[in-house]
C-alpha atoms as a PDB file:
ATOM      1  CA  ARG A   1     -39.620 191.254 -32.169  1.00  0.00           C
ATOM      2  CA  GLU A   2     -36.796 191.926 -31.079  1.00  0.00           C
ATOM      3  CA  ILE A   3     -34.405 188.965 -29.835  1.00  0.00           C
ATOM      4  CA  LYS A   4     -30.868 190.555 -28.063  1.00  0.00           C
ATOM      5  CA  SER A   5     -28.382 188.773 -29.573  1.00  0.00           C
ATOM      6  CA  ALA A   6     -23.944 188.394 -29.966  1.00  0.00           C
ATOM      7  CA  VAL A   7     -21.538 186.181 -31.036  1.00  0.00           C
ATOM      8  CA  ILE A   8     -18.345 186.161 -29.357  1.00  0.00           C
ATOM      9  CA  TYR A   9     -15.415 184.166 -31.039  1.00  0.00           C
ATOM     10  CA  ARG A  10     -11.177 184.177 -31.029  1.00  0.00           C
ATOM     11  CA  LEU A  11      -9.323 186.243 -34.375  1.00  0.00           C
ATOM     12  CA  GLU A  12      -7.660 182.920 -34.585  1.00  0.00           C
ATOM     13  CA  GLN A  13     -10.999 180.881 -35.742  1.00  0.00           C
ATOM     14  CA  ARG A  14     -11.402 183.503 -38.486  1.00  0.00           C
ATOM     15  CA  VAL A  15     -10.398 181.893 -42.185  1.00  0.00           C
ATOM     16  CA  GLU A  16     -11.412 182.408 -45.731  1.00  0.00           C
ATOM     17  CA  ASN A  17     -13.490 179.891 -47.627  1.00  0.00           C
ATOM     18  CA  ALA A  18     -11.961 179.188 -51.357  1.00  0.00           C
ATOM     19  CA  LYS A  19     -14.134 182.056 -52.830  1.00  0.00           C
ATOM     20  CA  GLY A  20     -12.679 184.253 -50.336  1.00  0.00           C
ATOM     21  CA  ARG A  21     -15.762 184.672 -48.093  1.00  0.00           C
ATOM     22  CA  GLY A  22     -15.209 185.262 -44.130  1.00  0.00           C
ATOM     23  CA  LEU A  23     -15.596 182.159 -41.861  1.00  0.00           C
ATOM     24  CA  LEU A  24     -15.834 181.586 -38.037  1.00  0.00           C
ATOM     25  CA  LEU A  25     -14.337 178.274 -37.124  1.00  0.00           C
ATOM     26  CA  GLU A  26     -15.610 177.809 -34.083  1.00  0.00           C
ATOM     27  CA  LYS A  27     -18.145 180.843 -32.142  1.00  0.00           C
ATOM     28  CA  TYR A  28     -20.328 180.915 -29.423  1.00  0.00           C
ATOM     29  CA  ALA A  29     -23.862 182.679 -29.540  1.00  0.00           C
ATOM     30  CA  VAL A  30     -25.950 184.735 -26.483  1.00  0.00           C
ATOM     31  CA  ALA A  31     -29.668 185.415 -27.357  1.00  0.00           C
ATOM     32  CA  THR A  32     -32.403 186.672 -24.938  1.00  0.00           C
ATOM     33  CA  THR A  33     -36.097 186.865 -25.376  1.00  0.00           C
ATOM     34  CA  PRO A  34     -36.761 190.148 -26.018  1.00  0.00           C
ATOM     35  CA  GLU A  35     -38.487 191.080 -22.421  1.00  0.00           C
ATOM     36  CA  THR A  36     -34.994 190.650 -21.097  1.00  0.00           C
ATOM     37  CA  SER A  37     -33.286 193.701 -19.556  1.00  0.00           C
ATOM     38  CA  PRO A  38     -30.052 194.834 -21.540  1.00  0.00           C
ATOM     39  CA  LEU A  39     -28.693 194.477 -17.929  1.00  0.00           C
ATOM     40  CA  ASP A  40     -29.642 190.965 -17.958  1.00  0.00           C
ATOM     41  CA  PHE A  41     -28.350 190.634 -21.656  1.00  0.00           C
ATOM     42  CA  GLY A  42     -24.927 192.222 -21.054  1.00  0.00           C
ATOM     43  CA  ALA A  43     -24.782 189.671 -17.806  1.00  0.00           C
ATOM     44  CA  ALA A  44     -25.039 186.968 -19.978  1.00  0.00           C
ATOM     45  CA  VAL A  45     -22.533 188.543 -22.469  1.00  0.00           C
ATOM     46  CA  LEU A  46     -20.423 188.935 -20.055  1.00  0.00           C
ATOM     47  CA  ALA A  47     -20.465 185.450 -18.058  1.00  0.00           C
ATOM     48  CA  GLU A  48     -20.314 183.458 -21.609  1.00  0.00           C
ATOM     49  CA  SER A  49     -17.239 185.650 -22.837  1.00  0.00           C
ATOM     50  CA  ARG A  50     -15.469 184.841 -19.534  1.00  0.00           C
ATOM     51  CA  ARG A  51     -16.508 181.316 -19.936  1.00  0.00           C
ATOM     52  CA  ARG A  52     -14.951 181.235 -23.509  1.00  0.00           C
ATOM     53  CA  GLY A  53     -11.230 182.892 -22.498  1.00  0.00           C
ATOM     54  CA  MET A  54     -11.998 186.900 -22.784  1.00  0.00           C
ATOM     55  CA  GLY A  55      -9.589 187.049 -18.835  1.00  0.00           C
ATOM     56  CA  SER A  56      -6.570 185.801 -20.950  1.00  0.00           C
ATOM     57  CA  ALA A  57      -7.078 187.999 -23.869  1.00  0.00           C
ATOM     58  CA  GLU A  58      -4.391 190.416 -24.773  1.00  0.00           C
ATOM     59  CA  VAL A  59      -6.756 192.469 -26.498  1.00  0.00           C
ATOM     60  CA  VAL A  60     -11.103 192.532 -26.582  1.00  0.00           C
ATOM     61  CA  TYR A  61     -12.623 194.200 -30.194  1.00  0.00           C
ATOM     62  CA  LEU A  62     -16.392 195.028 -28.985  1.00  0.00           C
ATOM     63  CA  VAL A  63     -17.925 195.233 -32.892  1.00  0.00           C
ATOM     64  CA  MET A  64     -21.694 196.711 -32.348  1.00  0.00           C
ATOM     65  CA  ASP A  65     -24.512 198.479 -34.300  1.00  0.00           C
ATOM     66  CA  ASP A  66     -25.954 201.768 -33.627  1.00  0.00           C
ATOM     67  CA  ALA A  67     -28.368 201.113 -30.827  1.00  0.00           C
ATOM     68  CA  VAL A  68     -28.083 203.840 -28.277  1.00  0.00           C
ATOM     69  CA  TRP A  69     -28.597 200.943 -25.188  1.00  0.00           C
ATOM     70  CA  LEU A  70     -25.770 198.579 -26.737  1.00  0.00           C
ATOM     71  CA  TRP A  71     -23.496 201.403 -26.118  1.00  0.00           C
ATOM     72  CA  SER A  72     -24.297 202.755 -23.108  1.00  0.00           C
ATOM     73  CA  LEU A  73     -23.722 198.431 -21.745  1.00  0.00           C
ATOM     74  CA  ALA A  74     -20.288 197.806 -23.707  1.00  0.00           C
ATOM     75  CA  GLN A  75     -19.253 201.226 -21.501  1.00  0.00           C
ATOM     76  CA  ASP A  76     -20.379 199.418 -18.138  1.00  0.00           C
ATOM     77  CA  ARG A  77     -19.904 195.802 -19.259  1.00  0.00           C
ATOM     78  CA  PHE A  78     -16.396 195.731 -21.647  1.00  0.00           C
ATOM     79  CA  GLN A  79     -15.290 199.242 -20.554  1.00  0.00           C
ATOM     80  CA  SER A  80     -11.509 198.507 -21.462  1.00  0.00           C
ATOM     81  CA  ALA A  81     -12.827 197.079 -25.158  1.00  0.00           C
ATOM     82  CA  VAL A  82     -11.585 198.443 -27.843  1.00  0.00           C
ATOM     83  CA  LYS A  83     -15.286 199.577 -29.128  1.00  0.00           C
ATOM     84  CA  THR A  84     -16.151 200.020 -32.832  1.00  0.00           C
ATOM     85  CA  LEU A  85     -19.259 201.297 -35.013  1.00  0.00           C
ATOM     86  CA  ASP A  86     -19.908 198.660 -37.636  1.00  0.00           C
ATOM     87  CA  PHE A  87     -19.063 199.634 -41.175  1.00  0.00           C
ATOM     88  CA  HIS A  88     -22.365 198.161 -43.217  1.00  0.00           C
ATOM     89  CA  HIS A  89     -24.653 200.431 -40.564  1.00  0.00           C
ATOM     90  CA  ASP A  90     -22.010 203.489 -41.155  1.00  0.00           C
ATOM     91  CA  GLN A  91     -22.717 203.711 -44.709  1.00  0.00           C
ATOM     92  CA  GLU A  92     -26.569 203.305 -44.285  1.00  0.00           C
ATOM     93  CA  HIS A  93     -25.928 206.595 -42.613  1.00  0.00           C
ATOM     94  CA  LEU A  94     -23.797 208.192 -45.016  1.00  0.00           C
ATOM     95  CA  GLN A  95     -26.401 207.099 -47.481  1.00  0.00           C
ATOM     96  CA  VAL A  96     -29.002 208.992 -45.947  1.00  0.00           C
ATOM     97  CA  VAL A  97     -26.902 211.616 -45.953  1.00  0.00           C
ATOM     98  CA  ALA A  98     -25.948 211.581 -49.657  1.00  0.00           C
ATOM     99  CA  GLU A  99     -30.053 211.268 -50.483  1.00  0.00           C
ATOM    100  CA  ALA A 100     -30.706 214.230 -48.811  1.00  0.00           C
ATOM    101  CA  LEU A 101     -27.849 216.143 -50.394  1.00  0.00           C
ATOM    102  CA  HIS A 102     -28.857 214.611 -54.092  1.00  0.00           C
ATOM    103  CA  GLY A 103     -31.862 212.977 -54.032  1.00  0.00           C
ATOM    104  CA  VAL A 104     -32.798 209.460 -53.356  1.00  0.00           C
ATOM    105  CA  GLY A 105     -31.250 206.809 -56.693  1.00  0.00           C
ATOM    106  CA  THR A 106     -29.477 210.082 -58.594  1.00  0.00           C
ATOM    107  CA  GLU A 107     -26.226 209.522 -58.996  1.00  0.00           C
ATOM    108  CA  ALA A 108     -24.813 212.493 -57.501  1.00  0.00           C
ATOM    109  CA  ALA A 109     -25.896 210.997 -54.269  1.00  0.00           C
ATOM    110  CA  LYS A 110     -24.199 207.712 -55.691  1.00  0.00           C
ATOM    111  CA  ALA A 111     -20.989 209.625 -56.089  1.00  0.00           C
ATOM    112  CA  TRP A 112     -20.291 211.298 -52.852  1.00  0.00           C
ATOM    113  CA  LEU A 113     -21.917 207.889 -50.576  1.00  0.00           C
ATOM    114  CA  LYS A 114     -18.884 206.478 -53.156  1.00  0.00           C
ATOM    115  CA  ALA A 115     -16.209 209.211 -52.291  1.00  0.00           C
ATOM    116  CA  THR A 116     -17.150 209.732 -48.708  1.00  0.00           C
ATOM    117  CA  LEU A 117     -16.558 205.591 -47.870  1.00  0.00           C
ATOM    118  CA  HIS A 118     -13.545 205.484 -49.606  1.00  0.00           C
ATOM    119  CA  GLN A 119     -12.045 208.142 -46.929  1.00  0.00           C
ATOM    120  CA  LEU A 120     -13.977 206.439 -44.244  1.00  0.00           C
ATOM    121  CA  ARG A 121     -12.466 203.174 -44.922  1.00  0.00           C
ATOM    122  CA  HIS A 122      -8.690 204.701 -45.801  1.00  0.00           C
ATOM    123  CA  GLY A 123      -8.176 206.244 -43.130  1.00  0.00           C
ATOM    124  CA  HIS A 124      -9.619 209.980 -43.479  1.00  0.00           C
ATOM    125  CA  GLU A 125     -12.589 209.622 -40.292  1.00  0.00           C
ATOM    126  CA  ALA A 126     -11.440 213.083 -39.354  1.00  0.00           C
ATOM    127  CA  ARG A 127     -11.824 213.998 -43.310  1.00  0.00           C
ATOM    128  CA  VAL A 128     -15.286 212.644 -42.685  1.00  0.00           C
ATOM    129  CA  ILE A 129     -16.835 214.518 -39.646  1.00  0.00           C
ATOM    130  CA  LYS A 130     -15.521 217.852 -41.363  1.00  0.00           C
ATOM    131  CA  LYS A 131     -17.471 217.515 -44.247  1.00  0.00           C
ATOM    132  CA  LEU A 132     -20.358 216.569 -42.656  1.00  0.00           C
ATOM    133  CA  GLU A 133     -20.276 219.570 -39.845  1.00  0.00           C
ATOM    134  CA  GLU A 134     -19.572 221.706 -42.584  1.00  0.00           C
ATOM    135  CA  LEU A 135     -23.106 220.875 -44.138  1.00  0.00           C
ATOM    136  CA  LEU A 136     -24.813 222.326 -41.503  1.00  0.00           C
ATOM    137  CA  ASN A 137     -23.040 226.176 -41.512  1.00  0.00           C
ATOM    138  CA  PRO A 138     -22.805 225.736 -45.675  1.00  0.00           C
ATOM    139  CA  ALA A 139     -20.816 229.104 -47.310  1.00  0.00           C
ATOM    140  CA  THR A 140     -23.974 229.583 -49.409  1.00  0.00           C
ATOM    141  CA  PRO A 141     -27.771 229.415 -49.293  1.00  0.00           C
ATOM    142  CA  THR A 142     -29.261 225.767 -50.254  1.00  0.00           C
ATOM    143  CA  SER A 143     -32.427 225.239 -50.639  1.00  0.00           C
ATOM    144  CA  ARG A 144     -32.995 222.191 -49.230  1.00  0.00           C
ATOM    145  CA  SER A 145     -35.996 221.026 -47.709  1.00  0.00           C
ATOM    146  CA  THR A 146     -36.221 221.275 -43.447  1.00  0.00           C
ATOM    147  CA  GLN A 147     -36.722 217.537 -44.007  1.00  0.00           C
ATOM    148  CA  ASP A 148     -33.499 217.184 -45.500  1.00  0.00           C
ATOM    149  CA  GLN A 149     -32.044 219.445 -43.109  1.00  0.00           C
ATOM    150  CA  ALA A 150     -33.431 218.020 -40.019  1.00  0.00           C
ATOM    151  CA  ALA A 151     -31.723 214.541 -41.317  1.00  0.00           C
ATOM    152  CA  ILE A 152     -29.216 215.792 -41.876  1.00  0.00           C
ATOM    153  CA  THR A 153     -28.457 217.330 -38.564  1.00  0.00           C
ATOM    154  CA  ARG A 154     -29.335 214.276 -37.165  1.00  0.00           C
ATOM    155  CA  GLU A 155     -26.547 211.990 -39.759  1.00  0.00           C
ATOM    156  CA  VAL A 156     -24.188 214.791 -38.512  1.00  0.00           C
ATOM    157  CA  SER A 157     -25.191 214.309 -34.734  1.00  0.00           C
ATOM    158  CA  TYR A 158     -24.829 210.411 -34.938  1.00  0.00           C
ATOM    159  CA  PHE A 159     -20.930 210.179 -36.282  1.00  0.00           C
ATOM    160  CA  LYS A 160     -19.818 213.156 -33.792  1.00  0.00           C
ATOM    161  CA  ASP A 161     -21.115 210.730 -30.921  1.00  0.00           C
ATOM    162  CA  HIS A 162     -18.750 207.823 -33.064  1.00  0.00           C
ATOM    163  CA  GLU A 163     -16.048 209.528 -33.557  1.00  0.00           C
ATOM    164  CA  ASP A 164     -13.684 207.109 -31.664  1.00  0.00           C
ATOM    165  CA  HIS A 165     -15.338 204.366 -33.003  1.00  0.00           C
ATOM    166  CA  LEU A 166     -14.176 205.073 -36.722  1.00  0.00           C
ATOM    167  CA  HIS A 167     -10.366 203.578 -37.467  1.00  0.00           C
ATOM    168  CA  PHE A 168     -11.716 200.962 -39.853  1.00  0.00           C
ATOM    169  CA  ARG A 169      -8.346 201.459 -41.364  1.00  0.00           C
ATOM    170  CA  ARG A 170      -6.082 200.467 -38.456  1.00  0.00           C
ATOM    171  CA  MET A 171      -8.452 198.097 -37.722  1.00  0.00           C
ATOM    172  CA  LYS A 172      -8.420 196.327 -40.762  1.00  0.00           C
ATOM    173  CA  LYS A 173      -4.578 196.735 -41.299  1.00  0.00           C
ATOM    174  CA  ALA A 174      -4.320 194.941 -37.756  1.00  0.00           C
ATOM    175  CA  GLY A 175      -6.505 192.244 -38.774  1.00  0.00           C
ATOM    176  CA  ASP A 176      -8.834 193.613 -36.354  1.00  0.00           C
ATOM    177  CA  PRO A 177     -12.612 192.823 -36.958  1.00  0.00           C
ATOM    178  CA  MET A 178     -14.976 196.041 -38.429  1.00  0.00           C
ATOM    179  CA  GLY A 179     -18.072 194.498 -38.937  1.00  0.00           C
ATOM    180  CA  SER A 180     -20.836 192.661 -37.088  1.00  0.00           C
ATOM    181  CA  GLY A 181     -21.983 190.143 -39.765  1.00  0.00           C
ATOM    182  CA  ALA A 182     -21.858 187.467 -37.404  1.00  0.00           C
ATOM    183  CA  VAL A 183     -24.722 188.450 -35.753  1.00  0.00           C
ATOM    184  CA  GLU A 184     -25.981 189.421 -38.287  1.00  0.00           C
ATOM    185  CA  SER A 185     -25.828 185.878 -39.739  1.00  0.00           C
ATOM    186  CA  LEU A 186     -26.842 184.265 -36.349  1.00  0.00           C
ATOM    187  CA  ASP A 187     -30.113 186.517 -36.182  1.00  0.00           C
ATOM    188  CA  LYS A 188     -31.417 184.779 -39.944  1.00  0.00           C
ATOM    189  CA  GLN A 189     -30.772 181.509 -38.752  1.00  0.00           C
ATOM    190  CA  PHE A 190     -32.705 182.005 -35.704  1.00  0.00           C
ATOM    191  CA  GLN A 191     -35.499 183.807 -38.062  1.00  0.00           C
ATOM    192  CA  ARG A 192     -35.364 180.774 -40.028  1.00  0.00           C
ATOM    193  CA  ARG A 193     -36.010 178.542 -37.074  1.00  0.00           C
ATOM    194  CA  LEU A 194     -38.003 180.338 -35.326  1.00  0.00           C
ATOM    195  CA  ARG A 195     -40.644 182.393 -38.057  1.00  0.00           C
ATOM    196  CA  GLY A 196     -41.560 180.118 -40.318  1.00  0.00           C
ATOM    197  CA  CYS A 197     -44.300 179.849 -42.138  1.00  0.00           C
ATOM    198  CA  GLY A 198     -47.347 178.455 -40.175  1.00  0.00           C
ATOM    199  CA  GLN A 199     -45.186 178.980 -36.906  1.00  0.00           C
ATOM    200  CA  PHE A 200     -46.522 180.129 -33.377  1.00  0.00           C
ATOM    201  CA  TRP A 201     -45.116 180.501 -30.246  1.00  0.00           C
ATOM    202  CA  THR A 202     -46.152 180.938 -27.150  1.00  0.00           C
ATOM    203  CA  ARG A 203     -43.701 182.679 -24.763  1.00  0.00           C
ATOM    204  CA  PRO A 204     -43.064 180.017 -22.869  1.00  0.00           C
ATOM    205  CA  GLY A 205     -42.693 177.524 -25.750  1.00  0.00           C
ATOM    206  CA  LEU A 206     -40.060 180.746 -27.309  1.00  0.00           C
ATOM    207  CA  THR A 207     -38.488 180.980 -24.269  1.00  0.00           C
ATOM    208  CA  HIS A 208     -37.395 177.770 -24.330  1.00  0.00           C
ATOM    209  CA  LEU A 209     -36.814 176.800 -27.385  1.00  0.00           C
ATOM    210  CA  LEU A 210     -34.462 179.609 -28.168  1.00  0.00           C
ATOM    211  CA  GLN A 211     -32.466 177.989 -24.928  1.00  0.00           C
ATOM    212  CA  LEU A 212     -32.208 174.613 -27.040  1.00  0.00           C
ATOM    213  CA  CYS A 213     -31.499 176.843 -30.251  1.00  0.00           C
ATOM    214  CA  VAL A 214     -28.499 177.869 -28.173  1.00  0.00           C
ATOM    215  CA  LEU A 215     -27.225 174.947 -26.467  1.00  0.00           C
ATOM    216  CA  VAL A 216     -26.997 173.510 -29.823  1.00  0.00           C
ATOM    217  CA  LYS A 217     -24.526 176.080 -31.391  1.00  0.00           C
ATOM    218  CA  ASN A 218     -22.664 176.286 -28.553  1.00  0.00           C
ATOM    219  CA  LYS A 219     -22.175 172.072 -28.535  1.00  0.00           C
ATOM    220  CA  ASP A 220     -23.637 172.405 -24.984  1.00  0.00           C
ATOM    221  CA  ASP A 221     -26.600 170.471 -25.595  1.00  0.00           C
ATOM    222  CA  HIS A 222     -25.118 167.381 -23.395  1.00  0.00           C
ATOM    223  CA  LEU A 223     -25.714 169.521 -20.983  1.00  0.00           C
ATOM    224  CA  LEU A 224     -29.321 168.601 -21.063  1.00  0.00           C
ATOM    225  CA  TRP A 225     -28.766 164.912 -20.619  1.00  0.00           C
ATOM    226  CA  ASN A 226     -26.550 165.551 -16.991  1.00  0.00           C
END
């Protein structure tokens, strides 16, 4: 089941190890159980962000995946933040288009995906959107199946909806975040802790243990004894 989670950090806390892999020296987690409403989760993220100094930040960045409820939440709670659609999720959606056009696993699909991702990463997002829109009105008849055409139509709509959240070249040049890897890492840590072999949790047990995990990760565990 889905645990709603977020990671909060300041840009100056980002470093790289000897192999060039990104690390966060200091980060703070928010995690809530599956039945938590989006409104309550949003309130928790906003409260923790303020606690960690969001009010003094010159710019607030928000990087998310494609869940519709997240974008509604962002508009409600973080309206002035710079919002970015996670690049790796874009890659997954473009792969769907590539396979609908050229077949699963084909060299033509790989080449189309590579070229399109290059455009998206290097400041040609408007060109990518235009290329996708042209797929809905091909100049010549195609032999696409109804299923493939439906997939293309769905993905074109996806990118049109997020047209203002795809400025990856500008983000990279400014040193701004482009991916939600920190949250993916947090979720893997929770899975290793909460979904181990032979582990079974009651809902109260899961709720309490998740709260403990967050306290420890945020170095707030001293509050347990205060």
